Amino acid sequence: MLSYICEFNLNISGEKAEDFLHRAVREWPPLWEKIPGVHGTLFLQNAFALGGDFEYQFRVDIESFKTLQAIDDALKSEDRGWRKIRRDYFEHRTKARARLLQPDGGESASYLRHGGGPEGLVHYVVSHEGGGGALKSLAPSGGVRAVQHHTAVVQANVAAGRSETWLRLANLASLDEAAQSFGRAIGTTGARTTTHLFGELREVNGALLAGA
């Protein structure tokens, strides 16, 4: 299993951006998840400017490198649905960057699952160059609903580090618990880390819901 993560910015803001995002959250997952080898999607936005240089991230969990060919074929297809989202995306997207991660233990199979409601919409992502073994002691508890560890297999941004730990949080109030758990796990290893915060975008009862 691999995770393909595309970070991007848009040339629109305000209500126009919200309309675009609502369409994307509704229309992208059904098309992507029909591709052979795709096992789930996740749409994130930068929370409180704590998510880094890009405003949005789209994550797709895929079976293997071979799935990239199936994705490329779908993106280039003349299917009406793909043509629509492709036109919409390239009309509004500006800068973009992607990476491929490989799950390294943790709750890899269940990380993308959610109950469909308003909880579990906050993601705390820790990038690190060392000390990954210590972080593997992190486990779901309380407000930390799921934990997943990754190793980068294709990474354009070398400064970000080779490993990432993702924590799905019940809500923003759970961030204190997650940060304390991370602090205890990393301890005195001296590992260089960067942390980012994202809110998940999800459609609930026809409305666009943002975690943060």
C-alpha atoms as a PDB file:
ATOM      1  CA  MET A   1       0.000   0.000   0.000  1.00  0.00           C
ATOM      2  CA  LEU A   2       1.162   3.546  -0.796  1.00  0.00           C
ATOM      3  CA  SER A   3      -0.226   7.011  -0.149  1.00  0.00           C
ATOM      4  CA  TYR A   4      -0.041   9.575  -2.953  1.00  0.00           C
ATOM      5  CA  ILE A   5      -0.341  13.085  -1.531  1.00  0.00           C
ATOM      6  CA  CYS A   6      -0.739  16.128  -3.767  1.00  0.00           C
ATOM      7  CA  GLU A   7      -0.374  19.580  -2.209  1.00  0.00           C
ATOM      8  CA  PHE A   8      -1.706  22.543  -4.169  1.00  0.00           C
ATOM      9  CA  ASN A   9      -2.852  26.152  -4.085  1.00  0.00           C
ATOM     10  CA  LEU A  10      -5.749  27.838  -5.877  1.00  0.00           C
ATOM     11  CA  ASN A  11      -6.053  31.139  -7.721  1.00  0.00           C
ATOM     12  CA  ILE A  12      -9.404  31.849  -6.062  1.00  0.00           C
ATOM     13  CA  SER A  13     -10.515  32.549  -2.495  1.00  0.00           C
ATOM     14  CA  GLY A  14     -13.624  33.229  -0.445  1.00  0.00           C
ATOM     15  CA  GLU A  15     -16.949  31.947  -1.781  1.00  0.00           C
ATOM     16  CA  LYS A  16     -15.428  30.945  -5.139  1.00  0.00           C
ATOM     17  CA  ALA A  17     -12.896  28.726  -3.406  1.00  0.00           C
ATOM     18  CA  GLU A  18     -15.589  27.276  -1.156  1.00  0.00           C
ATOM     19  CA  ASP A  19     -17.748  26.442  -4.182  1.00  0.00           C
ATOM     20  CA  PHE A  20     -14.786  24.744  -5.888  1.00  0.00           C
ATOM     21  CA  LEU A  21     -13.939  22.751  -2.764  1.00  0.00           C
ATOM     22  CA  HIS A  22     -17.532  21.654  -2.246  1.00  0.00           C
ATOM     23  CA  ARG A  23     -17.662  20.355  -5.816  1.00  0.00           C
ATOM     24  CA  ALA A  24     -14.315  18.605  -5.364  1.00  0.00           C
ATOM     25  CA  VAL A  25     -15.265  16.963  -2.066  1.00  0.00           C
ATOM     26  CA  ARG A  26     -18.491  15.689  -3.616  1.00  0.00           C
ATOM     27  CA  GLU A  27     -17.245  14.707  -7.084  1.00  0.00           C
ATOM     28  CA  TRP A  28     -13.613  13.615  -6.765  1.00  0.00           C
ATOM     29  CA  PRO A  29     -13.814  10.620  -4.368  1.00  0.00           C
ATOM     30  CA  PRO A  30     -16.416   8.607  -6.360  1.00  0.00           C
ATOM     31  CA  LEU A  31     -14.346   8.932  -9.547  1.00  0.00           C
ATOM     32  CA  TRP A  32     -10.995   8.213  -7.894  1.00  0.00           C
ATOM     33  CA  GLU A  33     -12.297   5.233  -5.957  1.00  0.00           C
ATOM     34  CA  LYS A  34     -13.504   3.580  -9.177  1.00  0.00           C
ATOM     35  CA  ILE A  35      -9.886   3.353 -10.374  1.00  0.00           C
ATOM     36  CA  PRO A  36      -8.501  -0.184  -9.898  1.00  0.00           C
ATOM     37  CA  GLY A  37      -5.996  -0.145  -7.032  1.00  0.00           C
ATOM     38  CA  VAL A  38      -7.343   2.997  -5.305  1.00  0.00           C
ATOM     39  CA  HIS A  39      -8.447   2.299  -1.732  1.00  0.00           C
ATOM     40  CA  GLY A  40      -9.565   5.652  -0.350  1.00  0.00           C
ATOM     41  CA  THR A  41      -9.246   9.434  -0.491  1.00  0.00           C
ATOM     42  CA  LEU A  42      -8.799  12.302   1.949  1.00  0.00           C
ATOM     43  CA  PHE A  43      -9.210  16.058   1.312  1.00  0.00           C
ATOM     44  CA  LEU A  44      -7.398  18.435   3.680  1.00  0.00           C
ATOM     45  CA  GLN A  45      -6.978  22.174   4.057  1.00  0.00           C
ATOM     46  CA  ASN A  46      -4.316  24.137   5.888  1.00  0.00           C
ATOM     47  CA  ALA A  47      -5.518  24.911   9.438  1.00  0.00           C
ATOM     48  CA  PHE A  48      -4.675  28.316  10.944  1.00  0.00           C
ATOM     49  CA  ALA A  49      -1.733  28.638   8.487  1.00  0.00           C
ATOM     50  CA  LEU A  50      -0.073  25.766  10.418  1.00  0.00           C
ATOM     51  CA  GLY A  51      -0.073  23.367   7.462  1.00  0.00           C
ATOM     52  CA  GLY A  52       2.913  24.732   5.551  1.00  0.00           C
ATOM     53  CA  ASP A  53       3.230  26.465   2.198  1.00  0.00           C
ATOM     54  CA  PHE A  54       0.263  24.823   0.476  1.00  0.00           C
ATOM     55  CA  GLU A  55      -3.366  25.531   1.260  1.00  0.00           C
ATOM     56  CA  TYR A  56      -4.792  22.122   0.283  1.00  0.00           C
ATOM     57  CA  GLN A  57      -3.803  18.463   0.198  1.00  0.00           C
ATOM     58  CA  PHE A  58      -5.494  15.576  -1.589  1.00  0.00           C
ATOM     59  CA  ARG A  59      -4.433  12.121  -0.412  1.00  0.00           C
ATOM     60  CA  VAL A  60      -5.140   8.919  -2.337  1.00  0.00           C
ATOM     61  CA  ASP A  61      -4.244   5.513  -0.879  1.00  0.00           C
ATOM     62  CA  ILE A  62      -3.179   3.162  -3.664  1.00  0.00           C
ATOM     63  CA  GLU A  63      -2.241  -0.493  -3.943  1.00  0.00           C
ATOM     64  CA  SER A  64       1.182  -0.156  -5.611  1.00  0.00           C
ATOM     65  CA  PHE A  65       3.284   1.841  -8.055  1.00  0.00           C
ATOM     66  CA  LYS A  66       1.369   0.118 -10.867  1.00  0.00           C
ATOM     67  CA  THR A  67      -1.746   1.990  -9.764  1.00  0.00           C
ATOM     68  CA  LEU A  68      -0.110   5.221 -10.960  1.00  0.00           C
ATOM     69  CA  GLN A  69      -0.587   4.013 -14.546  1.00  0.00           C
ATOM     70  CA  ALA A  70      -4.294   3.424 -13.905  1.00  0.00           C
ATOM     71  CA  ILE A  71      -4.548   6.907 -12.396  1.00  0.00           C
ATOM     72  CA  ASP A  72      -2.778   8.439 -15.396  1.00  0.00           C
ATOM     73  CA  ASP A  73      -5.143   6.653 -17.764  1.00  0.00           C
ATOM     74  CA  ALA A  74      -8.172   7.939 -15.833  1.00  0.00           C
ATOM     75  CA  LEU A  75      -6.885  11.511 -15.725  1.00  0.00           C
ATOM     76  CA  LYS A  76      -6.413  11.486 -19.512  1.00  0.00           C
ATOM     77  CA  SER A  77      -9.697   9.750 -20.290  1.00  0.00           C
ATOM     78  CA  GLU A  78     -12.579  11.309 -22.203  1.00  0.00           C
ATOM     79  CA  ASP A  79     -15.072  10.255 -19.531  1.00  0.00           C
ATOM     80  CA  ARG A  80     -17.406  13.205 -18.918  1.00  0.00           C
ATOM     81  CA  GLY A  81     -16.883  13.169 -15.153  1.00  0.00           C
ATOM     82  CA  TRP A  82     -13.102  13.164 -15.460  1.00  0.00           C
ATOM     83  CA  ARG A  83     -13.183  15.876 -18.124  1.00  0.00           C
ATOM     84  CA  LYS A  84     -15.257  18.066 -15.795  1.00  0.00           C
ATOM     85  CA  ILE A  85     -13.058  17.786 -12.713  1.00  0.00           C
ATOM     86  CA  ARG A  86      -9.883  17.987 -14.806  1.00  0.00           C
ATOM     87  CA  ARG A  87     -11.041  21.255 -16.414  1.00  0.00           C
ATOM     88  CA  ASP A  88     -12.131  22.696 -13.068  1.00  0.00           C
ATOM     89  CA  TYR A  89      -8.888  21.715 -11.335  1.00  0.00           C
ATOM     90  CA  PHE A  90      -6.436  23.010 -13.932  1.00  0.00           C
ATOM     91  CA  GLU A  91      -8.414  26.221 -14.365  1.00  0.00           C
ATOM     92  CA  HIS A  92      -7.990  27.087 -10.672  1.00  0.00           C
ATOM     93  CA  ARG A  93      -4.836  25.298  -9.528  1.00  0.00           C
ATOM     94  CA  THR A  94      -1.577  27.227  -9.293  1.00  0.00           C
ATOM     95  CA  LYS A  95       1.505  25.716  -7.632  1.00  0.00           C
ATOM     96  CA  ALA A  96       1.457  21.996  -6.803  1.00  0.00           C
ATOM     97  CA  ARG A  97       3.781  19.354  -5.358  1.00  0.00           C
ATOM     98  CA  ALA A  98       3.337  15.651  -4.580  1.00  0.00           C
ATOM     99  CA  ARG A  99       4.979  12.817  -2.661  1.00  0.00           C
ATOM    100  CA  LEU A 100       4.574   9.063  -2.228  1.00  0.00           C
ATOM    101  CA  LEU A 101       4.585   7.471   1.218  1.00  0.00           C
ATOM    102  CA  GLN A 102       4.622   3.857   2.334  1.00  0.00           C
ATOM    103  CA  PRO A 103       2.828   2.922   5.585  1.00  0.00           C
ATOM    104  CA  ASP A 104       5.247   1.636   8.193  1.00  0.00           C
ATOM    105  CA  GLY A 105       3.136  -0.012  10.860  1.00  0.00           C
ATOM    106  CA  GLY A 106       0.363   1.707  12.800  1.00  0.00           C
ATOM    107  CA  GLU A 107      -3.304   1.670  11.807  1.00  0.00           C
ATOM    108  CA  SER A 108      -2.683   1.821   8.071  1.00  0.00           C
ATOM    109  CA  ALA A 109      -5.880   0.020   7.077  1.00  0.00           C
ATOM    110  CA  SER A 110      -8.253   2.146   9.136  1.00  0.00           C
ATOM    111  CA  TYR A 111      -6.748   5.631   9.010  1.00  0.00           C
ATOM    112  CA  LEU A 112      -8.984   6.901   6.202  1.00  0.00           C
ATOM    113  CA  ARG A 113     -12.141   5.445   7.728  1.00  0.00           C
ATOM    114  CA  HIS A 114     -14.511   7.721   9.573  1.00  0.00           C
ATOM    115  CA  GLY A 115     -18.066   7.688  10.801  1.00  0.00           C
ATOM    116  CA  GLY A 116     -19.256  10.315   8.324  1.00  0.00           C
ATOM    117  CA  GLY A 117     -20.148  12.823  11.052  1.00  0.00           C
ATOM    118  CA  PRO A 118     -18.490  15.965  12.396  1.00  0.00           C
ATOM    119  CA  GLU A 119     -15.751  14.235  14.432  1.00  0.00           C
ATOM    120  CA  GLY A 120     -12.287  13.043  13.434  1.00  0.00           C
ATOM    121  CA  LEU A 121     -11.738  15.990  11.094  1.00  0.00           C
ATOM    122  CA  VAL A 122      -8.390  17.251  12.431  1.00  0.00           C
ATOM    123  CA  HIS A 123      -5.029  15.823  11.338  1.00  0.00           C
ATOM    124  CA  TYR A 124      -1.726  16.428  13.141  1.00  0.00           C
ATOM    125  CA  VAL A 125       1.199  15.450  10.908  1.00  0.00           C
ATOM    126  CA  VAL A 126       4.764  15.062  12.217  1.00  0.00           C
ATOM    127  CA  SER A 127       7.641  14.896   9.700  1.00  0.00           C
ATOM    128  CA  HIS A 128      10.966  13.634  11.034  1.00  0.00           C
ATOM    129  CA  GLU A 129      14.396  12.536   9.866  1.00  0.00           C
ATOM    130  CA  GLY A 130      15.147  10.265  12.825  1.00  0.00           C
ATOM    131  CA  GLY A 131      13.518   8.921  15.955  1.00  0.00           C
ATOM    132  CA  GLY A 132      10.786   7.148  14.013  1.00  0.00           C
ATOM    133  CA  GLY A 133      11.086   4.112  16.238  1.00  0.00           C
ATOM    134  CA  ALA A 134      10.182   6.192  19.268  1.00  0.00           C
ATOM    135  CA  LEU A 135       7.090   7.574  17.532  1.00  0.00           C
ATOM    136  CA  LYS A 136       5.806   4.063  16.889  1.00  0.00           C
ATOM    137  CA  SER A 137       4.837   3.945  20.545  1.00  0.00           C
ATOM    138  CA  LEU A 138       2.007   6.358  19.709  1.00  0.00           C
ATOM    139  CA  ALA A 139      -1.372   4.647  19.651  1.00  0.00           C
ATOM    140  CA  PRO A 140      -5.025   5.719  19.452  1.00  0.00           C
ATOM    141  CA  SER A 141      -6.458   6.848  22.785  1.00  0.00           C
ATOM    142  CA  GLY A 142      -8.955   9.447  23.880  1.00  0.00           C
ATOM    143  CA  GLY A 143      -9.052  12.241  21.343  1.00  0.00           C
ATOM    144  CA  VAL A 144      -6.426  10.572  19.145  1.00  0.00           C
ATOM    145  CA  ARG A 145      -8.664   8.415  16.944  1.00  0.00           C
ATOM    146  CA  ALA A 146      -6.042   6.858  14.633  1.00  0.00           C
ATOM    147  CA  VAL A 147      -2.266   6.843  14.141  1.00  0.00           C
ATOM    148  CA  GLN A 148      -0.335   5.974  10.996  1.00  0.00           C
ATOM    149  CA  HIS A 149       3.429   5.913  10.359  1.00  0.00           C
ATOM    150  CA  HIS A 150       4.944   6.435   6.903  1.00  0.00           C
ATOM    151  CA  THR A 151       8.287   6.311   5.145  1.00  0.00           C
ATOM    152  CA  ALA A 152       8.761   8.447   2.036  1.00  0.00           C
ATOM    153  CA  VAL A 153       9.514   6.501  -1.145  1.00  0.00           C
ATOM    154  CA  VAL A 154       9.353   9.498  -3.521  1.00  0.00           C
ATOM    155  CA  GLN A 155       9.874  12.843  -1.815  1.00  0.00           C
ATOM    156  CA  ALA A 156      10.613  16.093  -3.659  1.00  0.00           C
ATOM    157  CA  ASN A 157      10.949  18.169  -0.500  1.00  0.00           C
ATOM    158  CA  VAL A 158      14.075  16.665   1.115  1.00  0.00           C
ATOM    159  CA  ALA A 159      13.947  19.142   4.007  1.00  0.00           C
ATOM    160  CA  ALA A 160      10.660  17.625   5.168  1.00  0.00           C
ATOM    161  CA  GLY A 161      12.361  14.415   6.293  1.00  0.00           C
ATOM    162  CA  ARG A 162      11.995  10.802   5.273  1.00  0.00           C
ATOM    163  CA  SER A 163       9.306   9.774   7.764  1.00  0.00           C
ATOM    164  CA  GLU A 164       5.857  11.041   8.693  1.00  0.00           C
ATOM    165  CA  THR A 165       3.460  10.177  11.504  1.00  0.00           C
ATOM    166  CA  TRP A 166      -0.197  11.078  10.986  1.00  0.00           C
ATOM    167  CA  LEU A 167      -2.643  11.411  13.878  1.00  0.00           C
ATOM    168  CA  ARG A 168      -6.383  11.736  13.263  1.00  0.00           C
ATOM    169  CA  LEU A 169      -7.881  13.790  16.102  1.00  0.00           C
ATOM    170  CA  ALA A 170     -11.471  13.936  17.292  1.00  0.00           C
ATOM    171  CA  ASN A 171     -11.394  17.752  17.259  1.00  0.00           C
ATOM    172  CA  LEU A 172      -9.141  20.746  17.880  1.00  0.00           C
ATOM    173  CA  ALA A 173      -9.444  20.301  21.643  1.00  0.00           C
ATOM    174  CA  SER A 174      -7.599  16.982  21.209  1.00  0.00           C
ATOM    175  CA  LEU A 175      -4.505  18.747  19.879  1.00  0.00           C
ATOM    176  CA  ASP A 176      -3.165  19.261  23.412  1.00  0.00           C
ATOM    177  CA  GLU A 177      -3.332  15.517  24.089  1.00  0.00           C
ATOM    178  CA  ALA A 178      -1.690  14.725  20.728  1.00  0.00           C
ATOM    179  CA  ALA A 179       1.144  17.206  21.258  1.00  0.00           C
ATOM    180  CA  GLN A 180       1.845  15.832  24.738  1.00  0.00           C
ATOM    181  CA  SER A 181       1.857  12.248  23.426  1.00  0.00           C
ATOM    182  CA  PHE A 182       4.245  13.273  20.655  1.00  0.00           C
ATOM    183  CA  GLY A 183       6.524  15.025  23.151  1.00  0.00           C
ATOM    184  CA  ARG A 184       6.709  11.942  25.367  1.00  0.00           C
ATOM    185  CA  ALA A 185       7.344   9.635  22.398  1.00  0.00           C
ATOM    186  CA  ILE A 186      10.111  11.699  20.858  1.00  0.00           C
ATOM    187  CA  GLY A 187      11.719  12.229  24.284  1.00  0.00           C
ATOM    188  CA  THR A 188      15.419  13.021  24.140  1.00  0.00           C
ATOM    189  CA  THR A 189      16.179  11.306  20.832  1.00  0.00           C
ATOM    190  CA  GLY A 190      17.283  14.602  19.309  1.00  0.00           C
ATOM    191  CA  ALA A 191      15.296  13.900  16.143  1.00  0.00           C
ATOM    192  CA  ARG A 192      14.646  16.953  13.999  1.00  0.00           C
ATOM    193  CA  THR A 193      10.923  17.304  13.406  1.00  0.00           C
ATOM    194  CA  THR A 194       8.362  19.590  11.813  1.00  0.00           C
ATOM    195  CA  THR A 195       4.670  19.486  12.650  1.00  0.00           C
ATOM    196  CA  HIS A 196       1.654  20.523  10.595  1.00  0.00           C
ATOM    197  CA  LEU A 197      -2.053  20.874  11.261  1.00  0.00           C
ATOM    198  CA  PHE A 198      -4.852  20.232   8.773  1.00  0.00           C
ATOM    199  CA  GLY A 199      -8.610  20.255   8.824  1.00  0.00           C
ATOM    200  CA  GLU A 200     -10.413  17.598   6.813  1.00  0.00           C
ATOM    201  CA  LEU A 201     -13.005  18.689   4.262  1.00  0.00           C
ATOM    202  CA  ARG A 202     -16.076  16.480   4.153  1.00  0.00           C
ATOM    203  CA  GLU A 203     -19.638  16.737   2.878  1.00  0.00           C
ATOM    204  CA  VAL A 204     -22.191  16.069   5.619  1.00  0.00           C
ATOM    205  CA  ASN A 205     -25.922  16.228   4.840  1.00  0.00           C
ATOM    206  CA  GLY A 206     -25.228  18.199   1.670  1.00  0.00           C
ATOM    207  CA  ALA A 207     -23.080  20.836   3.404  1.00  0.00           C
ATOM    208  CA  LEU A 208     -19.311  21.324   3.239  1.00  0.00           C
ATOM    209  CA  LEU A 209     -17.836  20.665   6.668  1.00  0.00           C
ATOM    210  CA  ALA A 210     -14.283  21.720   7.557  1.00  0.00           C
ATOM    211  CA  GLY A 211     -12.413  20.319  10.554  1.00  0.00           C
ATOM    212  CA  ALA A 212     -10.489  23.570  11.100  1.00  0.00           C
END
